[in-house]
Protein backbone atom coordinates (compact mmCIF):
# COMPACT_ATOMS: atom_id res chain seq x y z
CA MET A 1 -10.94 87.98 144.24
CA ALA A 2 -8.25 86.22 142.25
CA THR A 3 -7.70 82.59 143.01
CA THR A 4 -4.48 80.73 143.47
CA PRO A 5 -3.32 79.04 140.25
CA PRO A 6 -3.65 75.25 140.26
CA ALA A 7 -0.56 73.41 141.36
CA GLU A 8 1.59 71.90 138.65
CA ASN A 9 2.29 68.21 138.47
CA PRO A 10 5.65 67.49 140.08
CA GLN A 11 8.39 66.50 137.73
CA SER A 12 11.90 65.31 138.16
CA PRO A 13 14.33 68.18 138.41
CA SER A 14 16.59 68.58 135.49
CA SER A 15 20.27 68.16 135.98
CA ALA A 16 22.77 70.92 135.53
CA SER A 17 23.65 71.45 131.93
CA SER A 18 26.61 73.71 132.34
CA SER A 19 29.52 72.50 130.27
CA LYS A 20 32.09 74.81 131.82
CA PRO A 21 33.67 74.53 135.26
CA SER A 22 31.83 76.37 137.98
CA GLN A 23 33.45 79.57 139.07
CA PRO A 24 33.48 81.29 142.44
CA LEU A 25 30.59 83.76 143.23
CA SER A 26 31.78 87.32 144.02
CA SER A 27 31.38 90.92 143.03
CA SER A 28 33.44 90.30 139.89
CA ARG A 29 30.89 87.91 138.45
CA THR A 30 30.03 88.83 134.89
CA SER A 31 28.29 87.44 131.88
CA HIS A 32 30.36 87.31 128.71
CA LEU A 33 30.07 90.47 126.60
CA PHE A 34 31.29 90.34 123.03
CA ASN A 35 31.69 93.74 121.55
CA THR A 36 32.77 94.25 117.99
CA PRO A 37 35.75 96.65 118.13
CA PRO A 38 34.82 100.08 116.83
CA HIS A 39 35.53 100.41 113.14
CA ARG A 40 38.11 102.95 112.14
CA LEU A 41 38.50 104.63 108.80
CA HIS A 42 41.40 103.01 106.96
CA LEU A 43 43.07 104.78 104.08
CA SER A 44 45.15 102.42 101.99
CA SER A 45 48.42 103.73 100.61
CA PRO A 46 49.00 103.43 96.86
CA SER A 47 52.23 102.29 95.38
CA SER A 48 54.68 105.13 95.31
CA SER A 49 56.01 106.58 92.08
CA PRO A 50 59.53 105.76 90.96
CA SER A 51 60.65 109.29 91.84
CA SER A 52 60.57 110.02 95.53
CA ARG A 53 58.60 113.11 96.52
CA VAL A 54 56.99 114.71 99.53
CA ILE A 55 53.27 115.50 99.39
CA TYR A 56 52.01 118.36 101.48
CA SER A 57 48.32 118.58 102.07
CA ASP A 58 45.81 120.26 104.28
CA ARG A 59 43.16 118.20 106.10
CA PHE A 60 40.52 119.26 103.58
CA ILE A 61 42.24 121.03 100.64
CA PRO A 62 45.14 119.50 98.66
CA SER A 63 48.28 121.64 98.61
CA ARG A 64 48.87 123.00 95.14
CA LEU A 65 52.51 123.70 95.89
CA GLY A 66 53.12 120.17 97.03
CA SER A 67 51.39 118.51 94.07
CA ASN A 68 53.40 117.12 91.21
CA PHE A 69 51.40 118.36 88.24
CA ALA A 70 53.95 117.00 85.81
CA LEU A 71 52.57 113.55 86.38
CA PHE A 72 49.29 114.70 84.86
CA ASP A 73 50.88 116.70 82.02
CA ILE A 74 49.50 119.91 83.58
CA GLY A 75 51.49 123.10 83.98
CA GLY A 76 51.55 124.54 87.41
CA ASP A 77 52.02 128.07 86.08
CA GLY A 78 48.48 128.40 84.85
CA SER A 79 49.46 128.36 81.15
CA LYS A 80 46.74 125.82 80.54
CA ASP A 81 43.11 126.15 81.41
CA SER A 82 42.98 124.26 84.68
CA ASN A 83 39.19 124.22 84.69
CA SER A 84 39.08 122.17 81.48
CA SER A 85 41.98 119.84 82.26
CA PRO A 86 41.40 116.15 83.07
CA TYR A 87 43.06 116.66 86.43
CA ALA A 88 40.66 119.45 87.36
CA ALA A 89 37.67 117.37 86.27
CA VAL A 90 38.81 114.35 88.28
CA LEU A 91 39.64 116.55 91.26
CA ARG A 92 36.20 118.15 91.27
CA SER A 93 34.57 114.76 90.85
CA VAL A 94 36.36 113.10 93.75
CA ILE A 95 36.02 116.09 96.07
CA PHE A 96 32.40 117.01 95.43
CA GLY A 97 31.06 113.71 94.12
CA SER A 98 28.98 113.06 91.07
CA ASP A 99 25.82 114.21 92.82
CA HIS A 100 27.11 117.80 92.94
CA GLY A 101 26.79 118.29 89.21
CA VAL A 102 30.39 117.40 88.34
CA VAL A 103 30.53 114.58 85.82
CA PRO A 104 33.67 112.50 85.24
CA PRO A 105 35.42 113.48 81.97
CA GLU A 106 34.82 110.17 80.24
CA THR A 107 31.06 110.58 80.13
CA PRO A 108 29.66 111.64 76.72
CA ASP A 109 28.25 114.96 77.96
CA ARG A 110 31.44 115.97 79.68
CA CYS A 111 33.66 114.92 76.78
CA SER A 112 31.59 116.82 74.24
CA SER A 113 31.71 120.01 76.29
CA SER A 114 35.39 119.93 77.05
CA PRO A 115 37.90 121.17 74.49
CA SER A 116 40.43 118.69 75.73
CA SER A 117 38.14 115.71 75.40
CA ALA A 118 40.16 114.21 72.59
CA SER A 119 43.39 114.35 74.51
CA SER A 120 41.70 112.89 77.58
CA SER A 121 40.13 109.94 75.85
CA SER A 122 43.06 107.79 76.83
CA PHE A 123 43.03 109.13 80.38
CA SER A 124 41.90 106.47 82.79
CA THR A 125 39.54 107.80 85.47
CA PRO A 126 38.43 105.93 88.56
CA ARG A 127 34.98 104.42 88.80
CA ARG A 128 34.58 105.74 92.36
CA ASN A 129 35.73 108.65 94.47
CA ILE A 130 39.30 108.77 95.61
CA PHE A 131 38.47 110.91 98.61
CA ARG A 132 36.14 109.38 101.12
CA PHE A 133 33.89 111.20 103.55
CA LYS A 134 32.96 109.76 106.98
CA ALA A 135 31.19 111.30 109.96
CA GLU A 136 31.08 114.71 108.24
CA VAL A 137 34.88 114.85 108.15
CA PRO A 138 36.25 114.47 104.60
CA ARG A 139 39.43 112.47 104.22
CA TYR A 140 41.49 111.92 101.11
CA SER A 141 44.75 110.53 99.77
CA ALA A 142 47.05 112.05 97.17
CA TYR A 143 48.04 109.52 94.57
CA SER A 144 51.25 109.65 92.59
CA ALA A 145 49.88 108.42 89.26
CA GLY A 146 47.62 106.02 87.47
CA PHE A 147 44.39 106.32 89.52
CA ASN A 148 44.36 102.54 89.66
CA ASP A 149 41.20 101.14 91.22
CA ASP A 150 43.24 98.48 92.91
CA VAL A 151 44.88 101.05 95.14
CA LEU A 152 41.80 103.08 95.99
CA PRO A 153 41.30 103.42 99.73
CA GLU A 154 38.94 100.94 101.32
CA VAL A 155 36.67 102.60 103.86
CA VAL A 156 35.21 100.19 106.40
CA PRO A 157 31.56 101.13 106.90
CA ASN A 158 29.99 101.37 110.31
CA GLN A 159 28.48 98.09 111.37
CA PRO A 160 26.26 97.43 114.39
CA LYS A 161 28.02 95.91 117.35
CA ALA A 162 27.45 92.26 117.97
CA SER A 163 24.68 91.65 120.45
CA ARG A 164 25.69 90.61 123.93
CA LYS A 165 25.96 86.86 124.36
CA VAL A 166 24.06 85.31 127.25
CA SER A 167 24.75 81.70 128.15
CA LYS A 168 21.64 79.57 127.79
CA SER A 169 22.75 77.20 130.54
CA PRO A 170 23.11 77.84 134.27
CA TYR A 171 26.72 77.78 135.39
CA LYS A 172 25.72 76.27 138.75
CA VAL A 173 22.81 74.28 140.14
CA LEU A 174 22.03 73.78 143.83
CA ASP A 175 19.61 71.17 145.08
CA ALA A 176 17.10 72.81 147.40
CA PRO A 177 14.91 70.12 149.01
CA ALA A 178 11.52 71.32 150.27
CA LEU A 179 11.60 74.56 148.28
CA GLN A 180 7.86 75.22 148.11
CA ASP A 181 5.91 75.58 144.88
CA ASP A 182 3.77 78.48 146.15
CA PHE A 183 3.28 81.57 143.99
CA TYR A 184 2.61 83.85 146.96
CA LEU A 185 5.85 83.23 148.88
CA ASN A 186 9.25 84.90 148.61
CA LEU A 187 11.84 82.40 149.78
CA VAL A 188 15.11 83.55 148.14
CA ASP A 189 17.14 86.73 148.67
CA TRP A 190 20.77 87.77 148.05
CA SER A 191 22.55 90.07 150.49
CA SER A 192 24.96 92.92 149.85
CA HIS A 193 27.60 90.73 151.52
CA ASN A 194 27.19 88.04 148.85
CA VAL A 195 25.24 85.57 150.99
CA LEU A 196 22.16 83.81 149.67
CA ALA A 197 19.28 83.13 152.08
CA VAL A 198 16.82 80.35 151.20
CA GLY A 199 13.74 79.22 153.07
CA LEU A 200 13.36 75.44 152.87
CA GLY A 201 10.37 74.06 154.70
CA ASN A 202 10.65 75.17 158.32
CA CYS A 203 14.34 76.14 158.09
CA VAL A 204 16.42 78.99 156.71
CA TYR A 205 19.79 78.21 155.13
CA LEU A 206 22.60 80.59 154.18
CA TRP A 207 24.89 79.91 151.23
CA ASN A 208 28.09 81.95 151.10
CA ALA A 209 28.70 82.69 147.43
CA CYS A 210 32.42 83.27 147.93
CA SER A 211 33.23 80.06 149.79
CA SER A 212 30.17 77.90 148.92
CA LYS A 213 29.75 77.28 152.65
CA VAL A 214 26.23 76.36 153.77
CA THR A 215 24.96 77.40 157.21
CA LYS A 216 21.67 76.51 158.85
CA LEU A 217 20.41 79.74 160.39
CA CYS A 218 17.20 78.68 162.13
CA ASP A 219 14.57 75.96 162.48
CA PHE A 220 10.95 76.78 163.32
CA GLY A 221 9.94 73.21 164.08
CA VAL A 222 6.97 71.26 162.82
CA ASP A 223 4.37 73.85 163.83
CA ASP A 224 5.66 76.73 161.70
CA SER A 225 7.30 77.23 158.30
CA VAL A 226 9.19 79.92 156.40
CA CYS A 227 7.14 82.10 154.05
CA SER A 228 9.55 84.93 153.23
CA VAL A 229 13.14 86.07 153.69
CA GLY A 230 14.57 89.53 153.15
CA TRP A 231 18.03 91.01 153.69
CA ALA A 232 18.52 94.52 155.00
CA GLN A 233 19.99 96.86 152.40
CA ARG A 234 23.24 97.02 154.33
CA GLY A 235 24.70 94.87 157.05
CA THR A 236 23.92 91.29 157.96
CA HIS A 237 20.36 91.53 159.31
CA LEU A 238 17.89 89.06 157.82
CA ALA A 239 14.12 89.24 158.26
CA VAL A 240 12.15 85.98 158.23
CA GLY A 241 8.37 85.81 157.92
CA THR A 242 6.52 82.68 158.99
CA SER A 243 3.22 80.95 158.34
CA LEU A 244 1.96 81.86 161.84
CA GLY A 245 2.27 85.58 161.14
CA LYS A 246 5.50 86.12 163.08
CA LEU A 247 8.45 88.17 161.91
CA GLN A 248 11.93 87.51 163.22
CA ILE A 249 15.11 89.56 162.76
CA TRP A 250 18.38 87.64 162.72
CA ASP A 251 22.02 88.68 162.79
CA ALA A 252 23.31 86.30 160.15
CA SER A 253 26.98 86.94 160.89
CA ARG A 254 26.54 85.53 164.41
CA CYS A 255 23.55 83.27 163.68
CA ARG A 256 21.70 84.98 166.53
CA ARG A 257 18.06 86.07 166.67
CA ILE A 258 17.72 89.74 167.59
CA ARG A 259 13.97 90.03 168.12
CA THR A 260 10.55 88.64 167.23
CA MET A 261 7.75 90.93 166.07
CA GLU A 262 4.04 90.30 166.16
CA GLY A 263 1.16 92.07 164.44
CA HIS A 264 -0.02 89.85 161.61
CA ARG A 265 -2.73 87.26 162.09
CA LEU A 266 -1.81 85.14 159.05
CA ARG A 267 1.29 84.19 157.11
CA VAL A 268 3.85 86.85 156.14
CA GLY A 269 4.68 86.28 152.48
CA ALA A 270 6.31 89.58 151.45
CA LEU A 271 9.09 91.71 152.96
CA ALA A 272 10.83 94.92 151.92
CA TRP A 273 13.52 96.98 153.65
CA SER A 274 14.03 100.75 153.55
CA SER A 275 17.01 101.65 155.70
CA SER A 276 15.89 100.80 159.25
CA VAL A 277 12.23 100.46 158.25
CA LEU A 278 10.92 96.99 157.42
CA SER A 279 7.61 96.50 155.62
CA SER A 280 5.79 93.19 155.88
CA GLY A 281 2.82 92.05 153.81
CA SER A 282 0.46 89.34 154.99
CA ARG A 283 -2.42 87.12 154.03
CA ASP A 284 -4.48 89.20 156.46
CA LYS A 285 -4.51 91.90 153.70
CA SER A 286 -2.45 94.41 155.70
CA ILE A 287 1.03 95.90 155.46
CA LEU A 288 2.88 96.73 158.67
CA GLN A 289 5.62 99.34 158.82
CA ARG A 290 8.22 98.40 161.40
CA ASP A 291 11.14 100.46 162.64
CA ILE A 292 13.61 98.03 164.15
CA ARG A 293 14.99 100.85 166.30
CA ALA A 294 11.61 101.35 167.97
CA GLN A 295 10.33 99.29 170.85
CA ASP A 296 6.89 98.73 169.32
CA ASP A 297 6.38 95.86 166.92
CA PHE A 298 5.11 98.23 164.23
CA VAL A 299 4.73 101.98 163.84
CA SER A 300 1.93 102.08 161.28
CA LYS A 301 -0.54 99.84 159.46
CA LEU A 302 -1.37 100.22 155.76
CA THR A 303 -4.76 99.00 154.62
CA GLY A 304 -6.25 98.96 151.17
CA HIS A 305 -5.76 95.52 149.64
CA LYS A 306 -8.77 93.22 149.58
CA SER A 307 -6.75 90.01 149.50
CA GLU A 308 -3.30 88.65 150.37
CA VAL A 309 -0.34 90.98 149.91
CA CYS A 310 2.23 89.02 147.91
CA GLY A 311 4.57 91.68 146.51
CA LEU A 312 6.44 94.56 148.20
CA LYS A 313 9.25 96.81 146.91
CA TRP A 314 10.66 100.13 148.09
CA SER A 315 11.89 102.58 145.48
CA TYR A 316 15.61 103.27 145.30
CA ASP A 317 15.18 106.69 146.91
CA ASN A 318 13.18 105.05 149.76
CA ARG A 319 10.28 107.45 149.20
CA GLN A 320 7.68 105.13 147.70
CA LEU A 321 6.53 101.63 148.52
CA ALA A 322 4.83 99.54 145.83
CA SER A 323 2.59 96.67 146.89
CA GLY A 324 0.84 93.99 144.88
CA GLY A 325 -1.91 91.68 146.00
CA ASN A 326 -4.07 88.72 145.12
CA ASP A 327 -6.85 91.27 144.52
CA ASN A 328 -5.12 92.12 141.19
CA ARG A 329 -4.23 95.58 142.50
CA LEU A 330 -0.98 97.52 142.46
CA PHE A 331 -0.73 100.29 145.05
CA VAL A 332 1.92 102.94 145.68
CA TRP A 333 2.37 104.38 149.18
CA ASN A 334 4.56 107.03 150.74
CA LYS A 335 5.98 107.24 154.25
CA HIS A 336 3.41 109.75 155.43
CA SER A 337 0.13 108.10 154.50
CA ASN A 338 -1.77 105.05 155.68
CA GLN A 339 -3.71 104.96 152.41
CA PRO A 340 -2.29 104.36 148.94
CA VAL A 341 -1.46 107.52 147.01
CA LEU A 342 -1.70 105.71 143.67
CA LYS A 343 -3.93 102.81 142.67
CA TYR A 344 -3.53 100.76 139.51
CA CYS A 345 -6.21 98.25 138.61
CA GLU A 346 -5.29 97.22 135.05
CA HIS A 347 -3.93 93.78 135.95
CA THR A 348 -6.39 90.89 135.78
CA ALA A 349 -4.51 88.48 138.07
CA ALA A 350 -2.44 88.55 141.25
CA VAL A 351 0.44 91.04 141.24
CA LYS A 352 3.52 89.54 142.84
CA ALA A 353 6.22 90.72 140.42
CA ILE A 354 7.28 94.31 141.18
CA ALA A 355 10.49 96.16 140.25
CA TRP A 356 11.61 99.79 140.45
CA SER A 357 14.00 101.08 137.82
CA PRO A 358 17.40 102.22 139.14
CA HIS A 359 17.85 104.30 135.97
CA ALA A 360 14.75 106.53 135.98
CA HIS A 361 13.01 108.13 138.93
CA GLY A 362 9.45 106.90 139.40
CA LEU A 363 9.61 104.15 136.78
CA LEU A 364 7.83 101.04 138.09
CA ALA A 365 7.27 97.64 136.47
CA SER A 366 4.68 95.08 137.56
CA GLY A 367 3.68 91.63 136.35
CA GLY A 368 0.41 89.73 136.54
CA GLY A 369 -0.36 86.08 137.18
CA THR A 370 -1.78 83.32 135.01
CA ALA A 371 -4.95 85.13 133.91
CA ASP A 372 -3.01 88.30 133.06
CA ARG A 373 0.50 87.37 131.79
CA CYS A 374 1.40 91.03 131.21
CA ILE A 375 4.27 93.25 132.27
CA ARG A 376 3.14 96.82 132.72
CA PHE A 377 5.20 99.97 133.18
CA TRP A 378 4.13 103.00 135.18
CA ASN A 379 5.36 106.52 135.74
CA THR A 380 4.50 107.13 139.37
CA THR A 381 5.68 110.73 139.19
CA ALA A 382 3.17 111.62 136.46
CA ASN A 383 0.71 108.87 137.49
CA SER A 384 0.60 107.41 133.99
CA HIS A 385 0.55 103.98 132.38
CA LEU A 386 3.50 103.75 129.98
CA ASN A 387 3.38 100.34 128.31
CA CYS A 388 2.01 96.81 128.46
CA ILE A 389 3.73 93.67 127.16
CA ASP A 390 1.90 90.34 126.92
CA THR A 391 4.50 87.71 127.78
CA GLY A 392 2.26 84.68 127.17
CA SER A 393 3.05 83.20 130.60
CA GLN A 394 2.38 83.83 134.26
CA VAL A 395 4.76 86.55 135.48
CA CYS A 396 6.29 85.45 138.80
CA ASN A 397 9.16 87.90 139.35
CA LEU A 398 10.80 91.00 137.96
CA VAL A 399 14.20 92.51 138.66
CA TRP A 400 15.88 95.47 137.00
CA SER A 401 19.58 95.44 136.19
CA LYS A 402 21.57 98.24 137.76
CA ASN A 403 24.40 97.84 135.22
CA VAL A 404 22.39 98.15 132.00
CA ASN A 405 18.84 99.28 131.23
CA GLU A 406 17.43 95.77 131.05
CA ILE A 407 14.89 93.84 133.08
CA VAL A 408 14.54 90.14 133.88
CA SER A 409 11.22 88.35 134.23
CA THR A 410 10.61 84.80 135.41
CA HIS A 411 7.55 82.87 134.38
CA GLY A 412 5.29 80.00 135.31
CA TYR A 413 2.43 78.53 133.34
CA SER A 414 3.16 77.40 130.84
CA GLN A 415 6.74 77.83 129.65
CA ASN A 416 8.65 78.19 132.96
CA GLN A 417 11.20 80.43 131.29
CA ILE A 418 13.46 83.34 132.24
CA ILE A 419 13.50 86.30 129.84
CA ILE A 420 15.93 89.22 129.67
CA TRP A 421 14.34 92.29 128.08
CA ARG A 422 15.97 95.43 126.75
CA TYR A 423 14.13 98.51 127.99
CA PRO A 424 12.32 100.54 126.70
CA ALA A 425 12.08 98.65 123.39
CA MET A 426 11.19 95.48 125.33
CA SER A 427 13.04 93.38 122.80
CA LYS A 428 14.25 90.01 124.04
CA VAL A 429 17.95 89.74 124.77
CA ALA A 430 17.67 86.06 125.72
CA ALA A 431 15.19 83.44 126.87
CA LEU A 432 16.51 80.85 129.32
CA THR A 433 14.94 77.51 130.15
CA GLY A 434 15.85 74.63 132.42
CA HIS A 435 13.41 74.67 135.31
CA THR A 436 10.66 72.06 135.08
CA PHE A 437 8.33 73.93 137.45
CA ARG A 438 7.24 77.56 137.71
CA VAL A 439 10.18 79.90 138.28
CA LEU A 440 8.75 81.40 141.46
CA TYR A 441 11.86 82.88 143.06
CA LEU A 442 14.43 85.34 141.79
CA ALA A 443 17.32 87.29 143.30
CA ILE A 444 20.25 89.23 141.87
CA SER A 445 23.86 89.26 143.05
CA PRO A 446 25.26 92.40 144.71
CA ASP A 447 27.44 93.14 141.68
CA GLY A 448 24.37 93.04 139.45
CA GLN A 449 25.75 90.46 137.03
CA THR A 450 24.29 87.15 138.19
CA ILE A 451 20.75 86.04 138.96
CA VAL A 452 19.60 83.00 140.89
CA THR A 453 16.24 81.40 140.20
CA GLY A 454 14.30 78.89 142.26
CA ALA A 455 11.38 76.65 141.39
CA GLY A 456 9.19 73.87 142.68
CA ASP A 457 11.55 71.41 141.02
CA GLU A 458 13.64 72.01 144.18
CA THR A 459 16.63 73.51 142.41
CA LEU A 460 18.39 76.86 142.50
CA ARG A 461 20.02 77.81 139.21
CA PHE A 462 22.64 80.51 138.73
CA TRP A 463 22.80 82.39 135.43
CA ASN A 464 25.21 84.93 133.99
CA VAL A 465 22.93 87.50 132.39
CA PHE A 466 24.33 91.03 132.82
CA PRO A 467 27.69 92.65 132.12
CA SER A 468 29.75 94.36 134.78
CA PRO A 469 29.21 98.08 135.38
CA LYS A 470 32.37 98.82 133.35
CA TYR A 471 31.63 96.14 130.73
CA GLN A 472 34.78 94.25 131.67
CA ASN A 473 35.11 90.54 131.14
CA THR A 474 36.59 89.50 134.45
CA VAL A 475 37.09 86.09 135.91
CA SER A 476 34.27 85.32 138.30
CA GLN A 477 34.79 83.90 141.73
CA ILE A 478 31.30 82.51 142.22
CA GLY A 479 31.11 78.89 143.23
CA ALA A 480 34.74 78.01 142.55
CA PHE A 481 34.72 75.35 145.20
CA SER A 482 31.82 73.50 143.68
CA LEU A 483 31.37 71.94 140.29
CA GLY A 484 28.03 70.92 138.86
CA ARG A 485 25.16 70.24 141.23
CA THR A 486 25.53 70.52 144.98
CA HIS A 487 23.14 70.73 147.91
CA ILE A 488 21.96 73.80 149.77
CA ARG A 489 21.59 71.67 152.88
């Protein structure tokens, strides 16, 4: 059985390092996205000849009728051999390129084989093609005279877009006194109504991201404490798990408790909603399935873990429940079985970090604790292990972006960092630091652009990490009424 990692030495929380004014928290929150404008093919226009003329040309083939052959001392009536003329040689060269067997007329081989080589010795030919080809669509310009290199068209090559910029500093910091430094708890969650719930000691506080208003929801007194919080997918219902094994459902909009549910013998450290079904994981090694519409406290009991259940996540289609435990196991359940349908035992430490991909059906990510340090990816549809990434640090949380195919991981021993990964390459988009303790808590805003992280340094830090769904740089309304560091209570 895996053991709990040793507690870190407490350190003074770092102050907010954001240099820009805080902005209000809302669905328009976005991280800055710098995109290089798409390059277009530019054809420069040469200087026109003294005599005005109109050039007619097809998209691919120059118009013979519209060409002024007199400029090249070539008869348009075919009296001269057009195949041996300098104009024909240059035309073939620029249309087909030198790699098609057509050699510019000034080369020794071409000059020796052409009867008009002597007369073309003073003919200036370009050192590169006049007509440029891009994206399999040839483009060209008709020049009046001279073939001067200075007026050759400049084609801007395709260049990779600039990578998205992610601010390395949190734009807002909240003091969160008594935020516990316990790997197995889940004390932060963000609702679809843009309200952040935080468990601090024996109390639950709500922070409205639009108005920055703080509300104390409940107080369990000295005999009990908060171990987990979880918002329903829709509405204003908040589930709160406690150290005594109780589970309470609150209507946050009215600050009123709806009901209290029993069933667990020890603390409830993990919660996950699926419509009206609420799953709770406990230190008693069990998972209880609760239907808040039913009169009974729970409708089924899932057994299989050999130690504390510390991670729970329902898939986006609400068909599969993933659970992680201190027994280093990752299980996948469905709604019709009391035993896991899939068992993954590759992790070598506690599995708290779990995230389902919103972009691919059955794609699951999991992270291991201090002795493991790996993020693993699974295809639960094919029951296969896809990939394993050694992060070098304890993996505390995972969350998948719904706007882009990227995933965020938060870490503990020893770097206490936040990493944004690009999936499936698993290349690092950014690594964020600032917390002085393990980054044990993570939640994402309803618009999918902002994350909040919590740590034992008793701070909550807000980061702009993802673009908006439409990649628009909009003015955020998160935290406009607060600048710098404030208090959650």
